Amino acid sequence: MDWIEILQKAIDYIEENITEKIDYESVARHVHLSPYHFQRVFGITCGFTLGEYIRKRKLTLAGNDLLKNKMKIIDVAFKYGYETPESFSRAFYKFHGVKPSQVKSGCNIKFFSRVLVSPNFTSATEMKYKIEEKPEKILVGYKKRFTGVPYGDERTKQEKDFLTSTRAKQWLLLGASCDYSTDYMVVTNVDDDGYDFYVAYELDEWTRKELFNPDVTGVKFMDEMGFETIVIPKQTYVVFETEKKKRPIVDYADIRKKIVTEWLLASKFVFANSPEVVAMHWRPNGEWAKERYIEICLPIEKA
């Protein structure tokens, strides 16, 4: 069964059970995938999380029940799994912009359509990659909790805002780094509420140990910087590289999504439950305008 069939089967299951409690485990079990892999690929392919899809579909159908079927608010609330009419009303207002009690007066409400699965999710693309076993790597960095799924325009904006507003932390860690040429970004703890996004650098063991020692650093504010040690476990990765050029970031987001929607879906691999790592080779030994590139490393395992 290919991903198009899997996604269609998953959507059918969700729609048939929309009034029940549905989570990644139940849907993934129905389509015979691991919850982690299904979660990642559903979000990447559809552009939103499963939880967001279910919530918006429930509230769309709830609006229809109030408007066309003339159901009572309390009955609609319980039908779609809300514990109280008050919690339903808050969610309804946040989505539709009107209160449930206003629907019968003829106000406008929103409609979030069912996902329509198309066989033309992807187009042919030439992509170079390698699969390699990477040893454990220890980084030091700082994080922010991003919302949405780890791919697409929403991540691109959050990533840009985070990187451009924390330059002092980057400069500090870069100065302490034993790998001056490379900046790392790490994505981990992915769930329906979002994911942790780290900006990180590779420091040697002595520097990691003494980073928060004021007798060594000469400053007392290091504990306030929010720096953490990030352990990337030994893992098999598929590694893609952007073209070497002055501004490879232009290609980065597009390649990142194509890896998943094209290469991964056609391969015999699935996502492994390990961090995603992006290595930005920003300061190469050669000519910067021609030698900069980005490595995108996705953790994989055999399906």
Protein backbone atom coordinates (compact mmCIF):
# COMPACT_ATOMS: atom_id res chain seq x y z
CA MET A 1 0.00 0.00 0.00
CA ASP A 2 1.50 3.39 -1.00
CA TRP A 3 1.17 6.61 0.98
CA ILE A 4 -1.78 7.89 -1.08
CA GLU A 5 -3.76 4.79 -0.17
CA ILE A 6 -2.62 5.00 3.45
CA LEU A 7 -3.65 8.64 3.74
CA GLN A 8 -7.02 7.97 2.11
CA LYS A 9 -7.65 5.09 4.51
CA ALA A 10 -6.67 7.28 7.46
CA ILE A 11 -8.95 10.14 6.39
CA ASP A 12 -11.84 7.71 5.86
CA TYR A 13 -11.30 6.29 9.35
CA ILE A 14 -11.21 9.77 10.91
CA GLU A 15 -14.38 10.89 9.16
CA GLU A 16 -16.24 7.69 10.06
CA ASN A 17 -15.28 8.14 13.72
CA ILE A 18 -15.32 11.94 13.95
CA THR A 19 -17.57 11.97 17.03
CA GLU A 20 -15.28 9.57 18.89
CA LYS A 21 -11.96 10.18 20.64
CA ILE A 22 -9.31 9.87 17.94
CA ASP A 23 -5.54 10.12 18.37
CA TYR A 24 -2.38 9.25 16.46
CA GLU A 25 -2.20 5.80 17.99
CA SER A 26 -5.69 4.77 16.92
CA VAL A 27 -5.32 6.11 13.37
CA ALA A 28 -1.78 4.76 12.94
CA ARG A 29 -2.90 1.36 14.18
CA HIS A 30 -5.71 1.38 11.62
CA VAL A 31 -3.25 1.96 8.75
CA HIS A 32 -0.53 -0.31 10.22
CA LEU A 33 2.14 2.37 10.83
CA SER A 34 4.00 3.53 13.90
CA PRO A 35 2.33 6.54 15.54
CA TYR A 36 5.56 8.56 15.29
CA HIS A 37 6.01 7.99 11.57
CA PHE A 38 2.34 8.60 10.79
CA GLN A 39 2.36 11.79 12.83
CA ARG A 40 5.34 13.24 10.97
CA VAL A 41 4.27 12.31 7.47
CA PHE A 42 0.62 13.30 7.94
CA GLY A 43 1.67 16.76 9.07
CA ILE A 44 4.22 17.21 6.31
CA THR A 45 1.90 16.01 3.55
CA CYS A 46 -1.24 17.82 4.70
CA GLY A 47 0.34 20.94 6.17
CA PHE A 48 -1.36 20.67 9.59
CA THR A 49 -1.40 18.27 12.52
CA LEU A 50 -3.91 15.48 12.96
CA GLY A 51 -5.26 17.20 16.08
CA GLU A 52 -5.82 20.44 14.15
CA TYR A 53 -7.60 18.57 11.36
CA ILE A 54 -9.90 16.71 13.76
CA ARG A 55 -10.68 19.85 15.79
CA LYS A 56 -11.57 21.94 12.73
CA ARG A 57 -13.62 19.14 11.19
CA LYS A 58 -15.57 18.64 14.45
CA LEU A 59 -16.31 22.36 14.72
CA THR A 60 -17.31 22.53 11.05
CA LEU A 61 -19.77 19.68 11.50
CA ALA A 62 -20.97 21.16 14.80
CA GLY A 63 -21.79 24.41 13.01
CA ASN A 64 -23.72 22.45 10.41
CA ASP A 65 -25.69 20.64 13.12
CA LEU A 66 -26.64 23.93 14.74
CA LEU A 67 -27.50 25.69 11.49
CA LYS A 68 -29.18 23.00 9.40
CA ASN A 69 -30.18 20.30 11.85
CA LYS A 70 -31.39 22.74 14.54
CA MET A 71 -29.76 20.72 17.33
CA LYS A 72 -29.45 22.08 20.86
CA ILE A 73 -26.05 23.49 21.84
CA ILE A 74 -25.64 21.06 24.75
CA ASP A 75 -26.38 18.08 22.48
CA VAL A 76 -23.88 19.24 19.85
CA ALA A 77 -21.23 19.86 22.51
CA PHE A 78 -21.52 16.32 23.88
CA LYS A 79 -21.78 14.80 20.40
CA TYR A 80 -18.33 16.11 19.44
CA GLY A 81 -16.63 15.22 22.71
CA TYR A 82 -16.68 18.48 24.68
CA GLU A 83 -17.09 17.99 28.42
CA THR A 84 -19.21 21.10 28.97
CA PRO A 85 -21.24 23.52 26.81
CA GLU A 86 -18.89 26.27 28.02
CA SER A 87 -15.74 24.58 26.69
CA PHE A 88 -17.56 23.91 23.41
CA SER A 89 -18.66 27.54 23.14
CA ARG A 90 -15.09 28.79 23.66
CA ALA A 91 -13.71 26.48 20.98
CA PHE A 92 -16.60 27.29 18.64
CA TYR A 93 -16.07 31.04 19.01
CA LYS A 94 -12.30 30.71 18.47
CA PHE A 95 -12.87 28.84 15.19
CA HIS A 96 -16.01 30.45 13.78
CA GLY A 97 -15.74 33.93 15.30
CA VAL A 98 -19.32 33.76 16.57
CA LYS A 99 -21.01 32.09 19.55
CA PRO A 100 -23.07 28.92 19.05
CA SER A 101 -26.15 30.82 20.23
CA GLN A 102 -25.74 33.27 17.33
CA VAL A 103 -25.82 30.64 14.58
CA LYS A 104 -29.61 30.43 14.29
CA SER A 105 -29.80 34.19 13.68
CA GLY A 106 -28.22 33.69 10.25
CA CYS A 107 -24.60 34.75 10.87
CA ASN A 108 -21.72 33.41 8.80
CA ILE A 109 -19.79 30.38 10.01
CA LYS A 110 -16.60 28.77 8.69
CA PHE A 111 -16.22 25.55 6.73
CA PHE A 112 -13.09 23.40 6.90
CA SER A 113 -13.31 20.77 4.19
CA ARG A 114 -12.40 17.13 4.36
CA VAL A 115 -8.93 16.37 2.98
CA LEU A 116 -9.13 15.31 -0.65
CA VAL A 117 -6.37 12.86 -1.45
CA SER A 118 -4.78 13.44 -4.83
CA PRO A 119 -2.43 11.02 -6.61
CA ASN A 120 -0.38 14.04 -7.72
CA PHE A 121 1.20 15.05 -4.42
CA THR A 122 4.64 15.14 -5.99
CA SER A 123 6.47 15.80 -9.21
CA ALA A 124 9.65 14.22 -10.50
CA THR A 125 12.77 15.67 -8.92
CA GLU A 126 16.45 14.72 -9.09
CA MET A 127 17.85 14.51 -5.57
CA LYS A 128 21.26 13.35 -4.35
CA TYR A 129 21.53 11.73 -0.95
CA LYS A 130 23.49 9.31 1.20
CA ILE A 131 22.50 7.02 4.04
CA GLU A 132 24.95 6.79 6.89
CA GLU A 133 25.25 5.69 10.49
CA LYS A 134 26.14 8.75 12.53
CA PRO A 135 27.82 8.40 15.94
CA GLU A 136 26.52 10.13 19.05
CA LYS A 137 26.99 13.89 18.91
CA ILE A 138 26.79 16.29 21.85
CA LEU A 139 25.79 19.88 21.15
CA VAL A 140 25.06 22.94 23.27
CA GLY A 141 22.23 25.26 22.30
CA TYR A 142 19.00 26.99 23.20
CA LYS A 143 15.44 26.32 22.13
CA LYS A 144 11.99 27.64 21.45
CA ARG A 145 8.75 25.71 21.19
CA PHE A 146 7.45 26.12 17.63
CA THR A 147 3.83 25.60 16.68
CA GLY A 148 2.41 23.62 13.76
CA VAL A 149 4.26 20.92 11.84
CA PRO A 150 8.04 20.82 11.27
CA TYR A 151 7.74 21.71 7.56
CA GLY A 152 6.23 24.39 5.38
CA ASP A 153 5.75 28.13 5.59
CA GLU A 154 4.86 28.21 9.28
CA ARG A 155 8.21 26.73 10.28
CA THR A 156 10.08 28.93 7.84
CA LYS A 157 8.72 32.12 9.43
CA GLN A 158 9.24 30.95 13.01
CA GLU A 159 12.76 29.78 12.18
CA LYS A 160 13.66 33.12 10.59
CA ASP A 161 12.24 35.15 13.49
CA PHE A 162 14.02 32.98 16.08
CA LEU A 163 17.40 33.09 14.33
CA THR A 164 17.33 36.83 13.64
CA SER A 165 16.27 37.74 17.20
CA THR A 166 18.88 35.67 19.10
CA ARG A 167 22.12 36.59 17.38
CA ALA A 168 23.98 37.39 20.60
CA LYS A 169 23.47 33.82 21.83
CA GLN A 170 24.68 32.49 18.48
CA TRP A 171 27.80 34.66 18.58
CA LEU A 172 28.59 33.58 22.12
CA LEU A 173 28.28 29.86 21.36
CA LEU A 174 30.08 30.24 18.04
CA GLY A 175 33.01 31.82 19.85
CA ALA A 176 33.13 28.85 22.21
CA SER A 177 32.69 26.32 19.42
CA CYS A 178 35.30 23.79 18.34
CA ASP A 179 33.65 23.71 14.90
CA TYR A 180 33.63 27.34 13.80
CA SER A 181 32.40 26.46 10.33
CA THR A 182 29.06 24.87 11.28
CA ASP A 183 25.82 26.00 12.92
CA TYR A 184 23.31 23.29 13.87
CA MET A 185 19.55 23.28 14.14
CA VAL A 186 17.79 20.41 15.90
CA VAL A 187 14.11 19.44 15.81
CA THR A 188 12.83 17.12 18.50
CA ASN A 189 9.85 16.36 20.79
CA VAL A 190 7.36 16.58 17.93
CA ASP A 191 3.71 16.26 18.95
CA ASP A 192 0.33 17.76 18.13
CA ASP A 193 1.15 20.96 20.02
CA GLY A 194 4.33 21.63 18.04
CA TYR A 195 8.01 20.78 18.46
CA ASP A 196 11.22 21.95 20.13
CA PHE A 197 13.54 23.86 17.79
CA TYR A 198 17.16 24.26 18.90
CA VAL A 199 19.96 26.45 17.60
CA ALA A 200 23.14 24.64 18.62
CA TYR A 201 26.93 24.38 18.29
CA GLU A 202 29.53 21.71 18.92
CA LEU A 203 31.74 22.50 21.92
CA ASP A 204 34.59 20.37 23.21
CA GLU A 205 34.20 18.47 26.49
CA TRP A 206 36.21 20.96 28.59
CA THR A 207 34.22 23.96 27.30
CA ARG A 208 30.91 22.22 27.95
CA LYS A 209 32.03 21.46 31.49
CA GLU A 210 33.26 25.00 32.27
CA LEU A 211 30.64 26.97 30.33
CA PHE A 212 28.72 27.91 33.48
CA ASN A 213 31.72 28.36 35.76
CA PRO A 214 32.16 32.11 36.44
CA ASP A 215 35.72 31.53 37.62
CA VAL A 216 36.54 30.41 34.08
CA THR A 217 34.23 32.62 31.98
CA GLY A 218 34.61 35.76 34.08
CA VAL A 219 30.85 36.45 33.90
CA LYS A 220 27.90 35.46 36.07
CA PHE A 221 25.09 35.61 33.51
CA MET A 222 25.65 32.29 31.72
CA ASP A 223 22.98 30.54 33.80
CA GLU A 224 20.45 33.05 32.45
CA MET A 225 21.15 32.30 28.77
CA GLY A 226 18.96 29.18 28.58
CA PHE A 227 21.73 26.99 27.14
CA GLU A 228 21.20 23.22 27.25
CA THR A 229 23.26 20.16 26.43
CA ILE A 230 21.65 18.25 23.52
CA VAL A 231 22.60 14.61 23.04
CA ILE A 232 22.00 13.32 19.51
CA PRO A 233 22.06 9.52 19.84
CA LYS A 234 23.76 7.17 17.42
CA GLN A 235 21.33 6.78 14.53
CA THR A 236 20.96 6.00 10.83
CA TYR A 237 20.27 9.16 8.85
CA VAL A 238 19.44 9.99 5.28
CA VAL A 239 21.49 13.05 4.41
CA PHE A 240 20.66 15.53 1.66
CA GLU A 241 22.77 18.53 0.69
CA THR A 242 21.80 21.79 -0.93
CA GLU A 243 23.77 23.09 -3.87
CA LYS A 244 26.91 24.95 -2.82
CA LYS A 245 26.32 28.66 -3.29
CA LYS A 246 26.33 31.99 -1.45
CA ARG A 247 22.72 31.71 -0.22
CA PRO A 248 21.70 28.03 -0.01
CA ILE A 249 18.91 28.95 2.42
CA VAL A 250 16.78 29.75 -0.65
CA ASP A 251 16.76 26.05 -1.59
CA TYR A 252 16.68 24.70 1.94
CA ALA A 253 12.96 24.80 2.78
CA ASP A 254 11.90 23.41 -0.60
CA ILE A 255 14.38 20.51 -0.45
CA ARG A 256 13.41 19.74 3.14
CA LYS A 257 9.80 19.18 2.19
CA LYS A 258 10.60 17.23 -0.99
CA ILE A 259 12.74 14.80 0.97
CA VAL A 260 9.64 13.68 2.83
CA THR A 261 6.90 14.04 0.24
CA GLU A 262 8.98 12.46 -2.52
CA TRP A 263 12.00 10.47 -1.38
CA LEU A 264 10.74 9.09 1.93
CA LEU A 265 7.32 8.11 0.63
CA ALA A 266 8.95 6.20 -2.24
CA SER A 267 11.60 4.52 -0.09
CA LYS A 268 11.52 1.50 2.19
CA PHE A 269 12.26 3.65 5.24
CA VAL A 270 10.16 5.39 7.88
CA PHE A 271 10.95 8.12 10.39
CA ALA A 272 12.88 6.95 13.44
CA ASN A 273 12.11 8.50 16.80
CA SER A 274 15.28 10.58 16.98
CA PRO A 275 16.05 14.27 16.43
CA GLU A 276 16.20 15.82 13.00
CA VAL A 277 19.52 17.63 12.51
CA VAL A 278 20.35 20.44 10.09
CA ALA A 279 24.02 21.35 9.67
CA MET A 280 24.54 24.79 8.16
CA HIS A 281 28.08 25.01 6.77
CA TRP A 282 28.17 28.78 6.81
CA ARG A 283 31.91 29.48 7.06
CA PRO A 284 33.79 27.04 4.78
CA ASN A 285 37.53 27.16 4.22
CA GLY A 286 37.07 28.06 0.57
CA GLU A 287 35.30 30.96 -1.08
CA TRP A 288 32.11 31.65 0.90
CA ALA A 289 30.13 32.76 -2.12
CA LYS A 290 30.66 29.35 -3.74
CA GLU A 291 31.16 26.86 -0.91
CA ARG A 292 28.29 27.39 1.55
CA TYR A 293 25.82 24.52 1.82
CA ILE A 294 23.28 22.94 4.17
CA GLU A 295 23.00 19.29 5.19
CA ILE A 296 19.53 18.03 6.09
CA CYS A 297 19.72 14.86 8.19
CA LEU A 298 16.51 12.91 8.83
CA PRO A 299 16.53 9.90 11.19
CA ILE A 300 15.27 6.76 9.48
CA GLU A 301 14.79 3.06 10.02
CA LYS A 302 13.60 0.25 7.80
CA ALA A 303 9.81 0.02 7.47
